[in-house]
């Protein structure tokens, strides 16, 4: 009888120890993933900066394109590690915008607004991307949503000005 109690206690202690080890491992694993995510986001920014600030001003478009593709790969890797990484989505959207891939840019900034609904700048940039591909109604929709996240009269007026400009451009087309 005593042996069975000792065996039961030993089994419970072993299970508890395994659970503790699993929790510690998961915490370390999560920290590793966070570090990798940050690394790839920074790597992407480095590539973007080399393409945008170094190559493009020297009219080295092919070189800039290579840097932009490397940046895209790095940002997508960061997003694969953490699909909710707001900064990587913003940065990926920025690269797409510079490349004039406005649908892809809008999709990334739209993801930012899903992850952080109060990011007014993300709505504005999404709207800008939509206007570049003549999707004026979608652009206006984004700006109206942005207005709902501000009580600042100056911000609301600026957004209304954007909406009016888009409506004018829409009428001229």
Protein backbone atom coordinates (compact mmCIF):
# COMPACT_ATOMS: atom_id res chain seq x y z
CA UNK A 1 0.00 0.00 0.00
CA UNK A 2 2.79 2.39 0.92
CA UNK A 3 4.64 1.59 -2.31
CA UNK A 4 1.56 2.49 -4.36
CA UNK A 5 1.26 5.84 -2.54
CA UNK A 6 4.94 6.57 -3.10
CA UNK A 7 4.60 5.59 -6.74
CA UNK A 8 1.53 7.84 -7.16
CA UNK A 9 3.29 10.73 -5.48
CA UNK A 10 6.38 10.17 -7.60
CA UNK A 11 4.24 10.08 -10.76
CA UNK A 12 2.51 13.33 -9.81
CA UNK A 13 5.84 14.98 -9.00
CA UNK A 14 7.25 13.86 -12.34
CA UNK A 15 4.24 15.23 -14.24
CA UNK A 16 4.51 18.54 -12.35
CA UNK A 17 8.22 18.73 -13.12
CA UNK A 18 7.56 18.07 -16.82
CA UNK A 19 4.89 20.80 -16.87
CA UNK A 20 7.30 23.26 -15.27
CA UNK A 21 9.98 22.38 -17.81
CA UNK A 22 7.45 22.81 -20.65
CA UNK A 23 6.41 26.26 -19.37
CA UNK A 24 10.03 27.38 -19.05
CA UNK A 25 10.81 26.03 -22.53
CA UNK A 26 7.80 27.82 -24.04
CA UNK A 27 8.80 31.11 -22.40
CA UNK A 28 12.31 30.80 -23.78
CA UNK A 29 10.95 29.79 -27.19
CA UNK A 30 8.61 32.81 -27.24
CA UNK A 31 11.51 35.11 -26.38
CA UNK A 32 13.57 33.56 -29.18
CA UNK A 33 10.74 34.10 -31.65
CA UNK A 34 10.38 37.71 -30.55
CA UNK A 35 14.10 38.25 -31.05
CA UNK A 36 13.96 36.68 -34.53
CA UNK A 37 10.93 38.78 -35.45
CA UNK A 38 12.76 41.96 -34.39
CA UNK A 39 15.89 40.86 -36.25
CA UNK A 40 14.05 40.30 -39.53
CA UNK A 41 12.13 43.56 -39.19
CA UNK A 42 15.41 45.46 -38.66
CA UNK A 43 17.03 43.58 -41.54
CA UNK A 44 14.12 44.58 -43.77
CA UNK A 45 14.47 48.20 -42.71
CA UNK A 46 18.17 48.09 -43.46
CA UNK A 47 17.52 46.76 -46.97
CA UNK A 48 14.73 49.28 -47.55
CA UNK A 49 16.92 52.17 -46.43
CA UNK A 50 19.77 51.08 -48.70
CA UNK A 51 17.41 50.89 -51.63
CA UNK A 52 15.45 54.06 -50.93
CA UNK A 53 18.07 56.39 -49.51
CA UNK A 54 21.27 55.09 -51.14
CA UNK A 55 20.43 53.51 -54.50
CA UNK A 56 17.40 55.49 -55.73
CA UNK A 57 18.95 58.96 -55.29
CA UNK A 58 21.89 57.77 -57.40
CA UNK A 59 19.43 56.57 -60.05
CA UNK A 60 20.42 52.93 -59.45
CA UNK A 61 16.92 51.54 -59.93
CA UNK A 62 17.96 47.93 -60.46
CA UNK A 63 20.02 47.95 -57.28
CA UNK A 64 17.16 49.58 -55.39
CA UNK A 65 14.78 46.90 -56.67
CA UNK A 66 17.07 44.19 -55.34
CA UNK A 67 17.17 45.85 -51.93
CA UNK A 68 13.39 46.21 -51.94
CA UNK A 69 12.95 42.51 -52.73
CA UNK A 70 15.31 41.62 -49.87
CA UNK A 71 13.32 43.94 -47.59
CA UNK A 72 10.06 42.27 -48.62
CA UNK A 73 11.51 38.83 -47.85
CA UNK A 74 12.72 39.98 -44.44
CA UNK A 75 9.40 41.64 -43.52
CA UNK A 76 7.45 38.58 -44.67
CA UNK A 77 9.73 36.41 -42.51
CA UNK A 78 9.02 38.63 -39.49
CA UNK A 79 5.30 38.37 -40.24
CA UNK A 80 5.56 34.58 -40.59
CA UNK A 81 7.06 34.52 -37.10
CA UNK A 82 4.34 36.82 -35.74
CA UNK A 83 1.39 37.56 -38.01
CA UNK A 84 0.35 40.36 -35.66
CA UNK A 85 3.60 42.32 -35.93
CA UNK A 86 2.24 45.79 -36.68
CA UNK A 87 5.62 47.32 -37.49
CA UNK A 88 6.48 44.66 -40.05
CA UNK A 89 3.10 45.10 -41.78
CA UNK A 90 3.67 48.87 -41.88
CA UNK A 91 7.16 48.44 -43.24
CA UNK A 92 6.05 45.93 -45.86
CA UNK A 93 3.29 48.31 -46.91
CA UNK A 94 5.84 51.09 -47.21
CA UNK A 95 8.04 49.03 -49.55
CA UNK A 96 5.05 48.11 -51.69
CA UNK A 97 3.96 51.75 -51.85
CA UNK A 98 7.42 52.87 -53.00
CA UNK A 99 7.35 50.11 -55.62
CA UNK A 100 3.96 51.40 -56.77
CA UNK A 101 2.32 48.12 -55.81
CA UNK A 102 -0.63 49.98 -54.39
CA UNK A 103 -3.01 47.05 -53.91
CA UNK A 104 -0.41 45.20 -51.85
CA UNK A 105 0.40 48.38 -49.91
CA UNK A 106 -3.28 48.93 -49.14
CA UNK A 107 -3.62 45.32 -47.96
CA UNK A 108 -0.71 45.71 -45.54
CA UNK A 109 -1.96 49.00 -44.13
CA UNK A 110 -5.45 47.51 -43.88
CA UNK A 111 -3.92 44.76 -41.74
CA UNK A 112 -2.36 47.46 -39.54
CA UNK A 113 -5.82 49.01 -39.03
CA UNK A 114 -7.18 45.60 -38.04
CA UNK A 115 -4.39 45.12 -35.50
CA UNK A 116 -4.52 48.71 -34.25
CA UNK A 117 -7.88 50.24 -35.19
CA UNK A 118 -6.98 53.66 -33.77
CA UNK A 119 -3.94 54.15 -36.06
CA UNK A 120 -5.28 57.07 -38.07
CA UNK A 121 -2.12 57.32 -40.18
CA UNK A 122 -2.61 53.74 -41.40
CA UNK A 123 -6.13 54.62 -42.62
CA UNK A 124 -4.80 57.70 -44.41
CA UNK A 125 -2.01 55.77 -46.13
CA UNK A 126 -4.50 53.04 -47.07
CA UNK A 127 -6.68 55.74 -48.60
CA UNK A 128 -3.72 57.20 -50.50
CA UNK A 129 -2.91 53.78 -51.93
CA UNK A 130 -6.53 53.32 -53.02
CA UNK A 131 -6.57 56.72 -54.73
CA UNK A 132 -3.46 55.75 -56.68
CA UNK A 133 -5.42 52.88 -58.25
CA UNK A 134 -8.62 54.93 -58.68
CA UNK A 135 -10.56 53.16 -55.95
CA UNK A 136 -11.99 56.38 -54.63
CA UNK A 137 -14.93 54.90 -52.74
CA UNK A 138 -12.62 52.58 -50.81
CA UNK A 139 -10.31 55.53 -50.05
CA UNK A 140 -13.19 57.64 -48.74
CA UNK A 141 -14.44 54.72 -46.68
CA UNK A 142 -11.03 54.40 -44.99
CA UNK A 143 -10.91 58.11 -44.21
CA UNK A 144 -14.40 58.08 -42.71
CA UNK A 145 -13.35 55.24 -40.44
CA UNK A 146 -10.23 57.21 -39.46
CA UNK A 147 -12.39 60.19 -38.46
CA UNK A 148 -14.25 58.02 -35.97
CA UNK A 149 -11.04 57.54 -33.98
CA UNK A 150 -10.34 61.21 -33.37
CA UNK A 151 -12.01 63.97 -31.45
CA UNK A 152 -9.36 66.48 -32.50
CA UNK A 153 -11.10 69.06 -34.68
CA UNK A 154 -7.93 69.81 -36.64
CA UNK A 155 -7.46 66.12 -37.50
CA UNK A 156 -11.11 65.76 -38.48
CA UNK A 157 -10.88 68.87 -40.68
CA UNK A 158 -7.73 67.56 -42.38
CA UNK A 159 -9.44 64.23 -43.09
CA UNK A 160 -12.50 66.07 -44.43
CA UNK A 161 -10.18 68.02 -46.72
CA UNK A 162 -8.72 64.74 -47.99
CA UNK A 163 -12.21 63.38 -48.59
CA UNK A 164 -13.20 66.50 -50.53
CA UNK A 165 -10.08 66.26 -52.71
CA UNK A 166 -10.75 62.61 -53.45
CA UNK A 167 -14.38 63.37 -54.32
CA UNK A 168 -13.21 66.10 -56.70
CA UNK A 169 -10.71 63.77 -58.33
CA UNK A 170 -13.41 61.09 -58.62
CA UNK A 171 -15.74 63.53 -60.41
CA UNK A 172 -13.00 64.53 -62.86
CA UNK A 173 -12.41 60.92 -63.93
